[in-house]
């Protein structure tokens, strides 16, 4: 099953659906940025025709305690309520897009693919659609709710809990996809301390995408991941600041044919948990301190 979809492929899917020869297509707009977490104003101004807005902060994450991280995974019942409100039915093909190099769209892709929904990410997002000269529309699309029942967890979409991180670093590659400044501890940001999880290897998430937001081709991605010691047989787990960009890297890994787990709590959980070791510097082992 494909993880990405091009603008041209999306148009073909939509035409097949309109003619009755293909599955219905549900477009989901997941615009979100760290500096503008509420993407609805941009959505209302212009979105792909028929697209429904998805609120990452409230529908793709659960509000919890600081020790859980900034974007804990939503419980299945919360996610199901959200999916129903987007008008997604059994058998639909879901296409997620954004205007941020597919980072928030990848969060939706991971959550829905994990529970058995056929979801793809529009490669290049809304910019690719507009660049092709295709129409956008204003307003707010609010479909009739569905009665979909989400399935069990797909074994390809696994998570790593905080108590398993140390054990994982001894047998696999723990990938830190934040910026080098965040990884080294030169930039602390919103968390109590800077640095990285001891043993983690740094490969910024945006190394996997072109300037236009499209993911690199699989062969190029495999070369990029090889620089972090990753090949087809490597056990990989990914973390970022709060579990959003990590899923973009998991999407890139899947596009390259490599399975990977996500540490959902990511640095925002690790740095807010007393007693956790922290490595400072540019090397995986780093200089150790304690939260």
Protein backbone atom coordinates (compact mmCIF):
# COMPACT_ATOMS: atom_id res chain seq x y z
CA UNK A 1 0.00 0.00 0.00
CA UNK A 2 1.43 3.36 -1.03
CA UNK A 3 2.21 5.95 1.63
CA UNK A 4 2.51 8.99 -0.67
CA UNK A 5 0.29 10.26 -3.46
CA UNK A 6 1.11 12.81 -6.13
CA UNK A 7 -1.26 15.51 -7.36
CA UNK A 8 -1.73 13.61 -10.62
CA UNK A 9 -2.52 10.37 -8.79
CA UNK A 10 -5.00 12.17 -6.53
CA UNK A 11 -6.87 13.56 -9.53
CA UNK A 12 -7.12 10.08 -11.03
CA UNK A 13 -8.46 8.71 -7.72
CA UNK A 14 -11.05 11.46 -7.53
CA UNK A 15 -12.19 10.86 -11.11
CA UNK A 16 -12.49 7.13 -10.46
CA UNK A 17 -14.56 7.83 -7.33
CA UNK A 18 -16.84 10.23 -9.20
CA UNK A 19 -17.47 7.64 -11.92
CA UNK A 20 -18.19 4.88 -9.39
CA UNK A 21 -15.12 2.92 -10.42
CA UNK A 22 -13.11 3.65 -7.28
CA UNK A 23 -13.38 4.22 -3.55
CA UNK A 24 -14.59 7.57 -2.18
CA UNK A 25 -11.80 10.03 -1.42
CA UNK A 26 -11.77 12.13 1.77
CA UNK A 27 -9.35 15.07 1.84
CA UNK A 28 -8.06 16.19 5.23
CA UNK A 29 -6.27 19.51 5.72
CA UNK A 30 -3.80 19.29 8.63
CA UNK A 31 -2.21 22.72 8.60
CA UNK A 32 -0.13 23.28 11.75
CA UNK A 33 3.18 24.90 12.66
CA UNK A 34 5.02 25.41 15.91
CA UNK A 35 4.66 29.17 15.53
CA UNK A 36 1.03 28.90 14.31
CA UNK A 37 -0.50 25.77 15.88
CA UNK A 38 -4.03 26.87 14.88
CA UNK A 39 -4.21 26.40 11.12
CA UNK A 40 -7.94 26.99 10.66
CA UNK A 41 -7.64 30.64 9.50
CA UNK A 42 -5.40 29.57 6.60
CA UNK A 43 -7.73 26.66 5.87
CA UNK A 44 -10.81 28.89 5.76
CA UNK A 45 -9.07 31.28 3.36
CA UNK A 46 -8.22 28.54 0.86
CA UNK A 47 -8.11 24.74 0.81
CA UNK A 48 -8.45 21.87 -1.63
CA UNK A 49 -12.10 21.52 -2.74
CA UNK A 50 -14.03 19.43 -0.24
CA UNK A 51 -11.19 19.18 2.29
CA UNK A 52 -12.08 18.97 5.99
CA UNK A 53 -9.91 20.75 8.56
CA UNK A 54 -8.11 18.65 11.19
CA UNK A 55 -6.92 20.28 14.41
CA UNK A 56 -3.61 18.64 15.30
CA UNK A 57 -3.42 20.08 18.81
CA UNK A 58 -6.87 18.86 19.85
CA UNK A 59 -7.69 15.93 17.55
CA UNK A 60 -4.32 14.30 16.89
CA UNK A 61 -2.99 14.67 20.44
CA UNK A 62 -4.27 14.21 23.98
CA UNK A 63 -3.96 16.91 26.60
CA UNK A 64 -2.00 15.31 29.43
CA UNK A 65 0.55 16.02 32.12
CA UNK A 66 3.98 17.54 31.27
CA UNK A 67 5.59 14.19 32.08
CA UNK A 68 3.68 12.69 29.11
CA UNK A 69 5.18 15.18 26.64
CA UNK A 70 3.57 17.97 24.66
CA UNK A 71 1.68 15.82 22.14
CA UNK A 72 0.74 12.46 23.70
CA UNK A 73 -1.06 10.03 21.41
CA UNK A 74 -4.86 10.33 21.57
CA UNK A 75 -6.69 7.34 23.09
CA UNK A 76 -8.53 5.25 20.50
CA UNK A 77 -11.96 6.53 21.58
CA UNK A 78 -10.89 10.16 21.14
CA UNK A 79 -9.37 9.43 17.75
CA UNK A 80 -12.50 7.58 16.67
CA UNK A 81 -14.72 10.55 17.57
CA UNK A 82 -12.46 12.81 15.52
CA UNK A 83 -12.40 10.46 12.51
CA UNK A 84 -16.18 10.22 12.59
CA UNK A 85 -16.49 14.02 12.68
CA UNK A 86 -14.34 14.26 9.53
CA UNK A 87 -16.88 12.14 7.68
CA UNK A 88 -14.51 9.25 7.04
CA UNK A 89 -16.32 5.99 6.21
CA UNK A 90 -15.15 2.39 5.94
CA UNK A 91 -13.56 1.89 2.55
CA UNK A 92 -12.68 5.56 1.99
CA UNK A 93 -9.27 6.55 0.72
CA UNK A 94 -8.01 9.34 2.97
CA UNK A 95 -5.53 11.88 1.62
CA UNK A 96 -3.86 14.19 4.15
CA UNK A 97 -2.02 17.38 3.25
CA UNK A 98 -0.59 20.54 4.80
CA UNK A 99 1.64 23.51 3.95
CA UNK A 100 4.57 22.45 6.15
CA UNK A 101 6.54 19.85 4.17
CA UNK A 102 4.06 17.12 5.17
CA UNK A 103 5.14 17.16 8.84
CA UNK A 104 1.65 17.47 10.40
CA UNK A 105 0.09 15.39 7.60
CA UNK A 106 2.51 12.59 8.51
CA UNK A 107 1.17 12.65 12.09
CA UNK A 108 -2.32 11.98 10.72
CA UNK A 109 -0.96 9.34 8.33
CA UNK A 110 0.74 7.47 11.19
CA UNK A 111 -2.26 7.57 13.52
CA UNK A 112 -4.78 6.44 10.89
CA UNK A 113 -2.61 3.87 9.12
CA UNK A 114 -1.96 2.38 12.57
CA UNK A 115 -5.68 1.62 12.96
CA UNK A 116 -6.22 0.24 9.48
CA UNK A 117 -7.37 3.22 7.44
CA UNK A 118 -6.08 3.58 3.87
CA UNK A 119 -4.42 7.00 4.18
CA UNK A 120 -1.77 8.65 2.01
CA UNK A 121 0.10 11.94 2.25
CA UNK A 122 -0.15 14.38 -0.66
CA UNK A 123 3.49 14.81 -1.65
CA UNK A 124 4.24 18.54 -1.75
CA UNK A 125 0.99 19.43 0.00
CA UNK A 126 -1.22 22.35 -0.91
CA UNK A 127 1.65 24.10 -2.68
CA UNK A 128 2.00 21.25 -5.16
CA UNK A 129 -1.75 21.41 -5.84
CA UNK A 130 -1.68 25.18 -6.39
CA UNK A 131 1.50 24.99 -8.47
CA UNK A 132 -0.33 22.60 -10.82
CA UNK A 133 -2.89 25.36 -11.42
CA UNK A 134 -5.70 23.47 -9.70
CA UNK A 135 -8.53 25.27 -7.90
CA UNK A 136 -8.78 26.08 -4.21
CA UNK A 137 -11.92 27.05 -2.34
CA UNK A 138 -12.66 29.16 0.76
CA UNK A 139 -14.96 28.36 3.65
CA UNK A 140 -15.42 25.54 6.12
CA UNK A 141 -16.46 22.02 5.08
CA UNK A 142 -18.41 20.18 7.79
CA UNK A 143 -19.53 16.74 6.60
CA UNK A 144 -22.19 14.58 8.23
CA UNK A 145 -20.53 12.39 10.88
CA UNK A 146 -19.83 8.77 10.04
CA UNK A 147 -20.20 5.67 12.19
CA UNK A 148 -16.78 4.19 11.41
CA UNK A 149 -15.26 1.82 13.98
CA UNK A 150 -11.48 1.94 14.11
CA UNK A 151 -9.63 -1.37 13.99
CA UNK A 152 -6.79 -2.83 16.01
CA UNK A 153 -3.20 -1.65 15.96
CA UNK A 154 -1.13 -2.47 12.87
CA UNK A 155 2.04 -4.25 13.96
CA UNK A 156 4.09 -2.13 11.53
CA UNK A 157 3.26 1.00 13.55
CA UNK A 158 4.81 0.36 16.93
CA UNK A 159 5.76 2.70 19.74
CA UNK A 160 8.64 2.87 22.19
CA UNK A 161 7.82 3.78 25.78
CA UNK A 162 10.15 5.84 27.95
CA UNK A 163 11.11 2.83 30.08
CA UNK A 164 12.27 0.89 26.98
CA UNK A 165 14.45 3.60 25.44
CA UNK A 166 17.69 2.69 27.21
CA UNK A 167 17.37 -0.98 26.26
CA UNK A 168 16.63 -0.04 22.64
CA UNK A 169 19.79 2.04 22.24
CA UNK A 170 21.86 -1.07 23.00
CA UNK A 171 20.45 -3.03 20.04
CA UNK A 172 19.20 -0.52 17.45
CA UNK A 173 19.49 3.02 16.12
CA UNK A 174 17.61 5.66 18.09
CA UNK A 175 17.19 8.55 15.68
CA UNK A 176 16.90 12.12 16.99
CA UNK A 177 15.41 14.20 14.16
CA UNK A 178 15.61 17.62 15.81
CA UNK A 179 18.02 20.31 14.65
CA UNK A 180 21.73 19.96 15.45
CA UNK A 181 21.42 22.90 17.87
CA UNK A 182 18.66 21.15 19.79
CA UNK A 183 20.50 17.83 19.72
CA UNK A 184 23.75 19.28 21.07
CA UNK A 185 22.03 21.35 23.76
CA UNK A 186 23.08 24.68 22.26
CA UNK A 187 19.37 25.54 21.93
CA UNK A 188 17.11 24.52 24.81
CA UNK A 189 13.72 25.77 23.64
CA UNK A 190 10.56 24.97 25.62
CA UNK A 191 12.00 22.16 27.73
CA UNK A 192 13.85 22.32 31.10
CA UNK A 193 17.16 21.08 29.64
CA UNK A 194 18.85 20.77 26.27
CA UNK A 195 20.76 17.89 24.77
CA UNK A 196 19.74 14.43 23.61
CA UNK A 197 19.03 10.92 24.82
CA UNK A 198 22.37 9.15 25.36
CA UNK A 199 23.23 7.00 22.36
CA UNK A 200 20.83 8.74 19.97
CA UNK A 201 22.06 9.62 16.47
CA UNK A 202 21.13 12.99 14.96
CA UNK A 203 19.53 13.22 11.50
CA UNK A 204 17.29 16.31 11.12
CA UNK A 205 13.83 15.53 9.78
CA UNK A 206 14.12 18.00 6.93
CA UNK A 207 17.13 16.16 5.51
CA UNK A 208 14.57 13.81 3.95
CA UNK A 209 12.68 16.47 1.95
CA UNK A 210 13.37 18.73 -1.01
CA UNK A 211 12.96 22.51 -0.82
CA UNK A 212 9.48 22.16 -2.35
CA UNK A 213 8.41 19.89 0.52
CA UNK A 214 8.37 16.65 -1.46
CA UNK A 215 10.14 13.65 0.03
CA UNK A 216 13.30 12.49 -1.70
CA UNK A 217 13.07 9.38 -3.86
CA UNK A 218 13.53 6.02 -2.06
CA UNK A 219 17.08 5.47 -3.36
CA UNK A 220 18.18 8.90 -2.14
CA UNK A 221 16.48 8.34 1.22
CA UNK A 222 18.28 5.05 1.69
CA UNK A 223 21.60 6.83 1.14
CA UNK A 224 20.63 9.53 3.64
CA UNK A 225 19.61 7.00 6.29
CA UNK A 226 22.77 4.99 5.69
CA UNK A 227 24.75 7.97 7.05
CA UNK A 228 23.02 7.30 10.39
CA UNK A 229 23.84 3.57 10.28
CA UNK A 230 20.41 2.49 9.02
CA UNK A 231 19.74 -0.16 6.39
CA UNK A 232 16.94 -2.64 5.68
CA UNK A 233 17.80 -4.85 8.65
CA UNK A 234 18.30 -2.15 11.28
CA UNK A 235 16.00 -1.78 14.28
CA UNK A 236 15.04 1.91 14.23
CA UNK A 237 13.12 4.14 16.63
CA UNK A 238 12.57 7.85 16.08
CA UNK A 239 11.98 10.82 18.37
CA UNK A 240 11.85 14.59 18.01
CA UNK A 241 10.73 17.44 20.25
CA UNK A 242 7.19 16.24 20.89
CA UNK A 243 6.35 13.37 18.54
CA UNK A 244 5.22 15.25 15.42
CA UNK A 245 8.33 15.53 13.22
CA UNK A 246 9.30 12.00 14.28
CA UNK A 247 6.33 10.64 12.34
CA UNK A 248 7.46 12.54 9.25
CA UNK A 249 10.77 10.67 9.45
CA UNK A 250 8.90 7.38 9.94
CA UNK A 251 6.99 8.24 6.75
CA UNK A 252 10.29 8.85 4.95
CA UNK A 253 11.67 5.57 6.29
CA UNK A 254 8.54 3.73 5.11
CA UNK A 255 8.94 5.35 1.68
CA UNK A 256 12.48 3.95 1.65
CA UNK A 257 11.25 0.49 2.68
CA UNK A 258 12.42 0.59 6.32
CA UNK A 259 10.16 -0.07 9.30
CA UNK A 260 10.57 2.11 12.39
CA UNK A 261 9.01 2.66 15.79
CA UNK A 262 8.11 6.05 17.28
CA UNK A 263 8.95 7.26 20.76
CA UNK A 264 5.80 9.44 21.06
CA UNK A 265 6.78 11.28 24.23
CA UNK A 266 10.03 12.33 22.59
CA UNK A 267 12.29 14.97 24.12
CA UNK A 268 9.38 16.85 25.72
CA UNK A 269 8.70 13.79 27.89
CA UNK A 270 12.32 12.79 28.48
CA UNK A 271 13.40 16.27 29.57
CA UNK A 272 10.43 16.59 31.95
CA UNK A 273 11.04 13.27 33.72
CA UNK A 274 13.23 13.50 36.81
CA UNK A 275 16.32 11.30 36.89
CA UNK A 276 16.71 10.76 33.15
CA UNK A 277 20.26 10.98 31.78
CA UNK A 278 20.97 13.66 29.17
CA UNK A 279 23.87 13.77 26.72
CA UNK A 280 25.20 17.20 25.76
CA UNK A 281 27.33 17.78 22.67
CA UNK A 282 27.54 16.60 19.09
CA UNK A 283 28.42 12.95 19.79
CA UNK A 284 25.81 10.26 20.64
CA UNK A 285 27.45 9.49 24.02
CA UNK A 286 28.03 13.17 24.77
CA UNK A 287 28.76 14.65 28.17
CA UNK A 288 26.24 13.19 30.60
CA UNK A 289 24.09 15.22 32.98
CA UNK A 290 20.81 14.37 34.72
CA UNK A 291 17.37 15.94 34.42
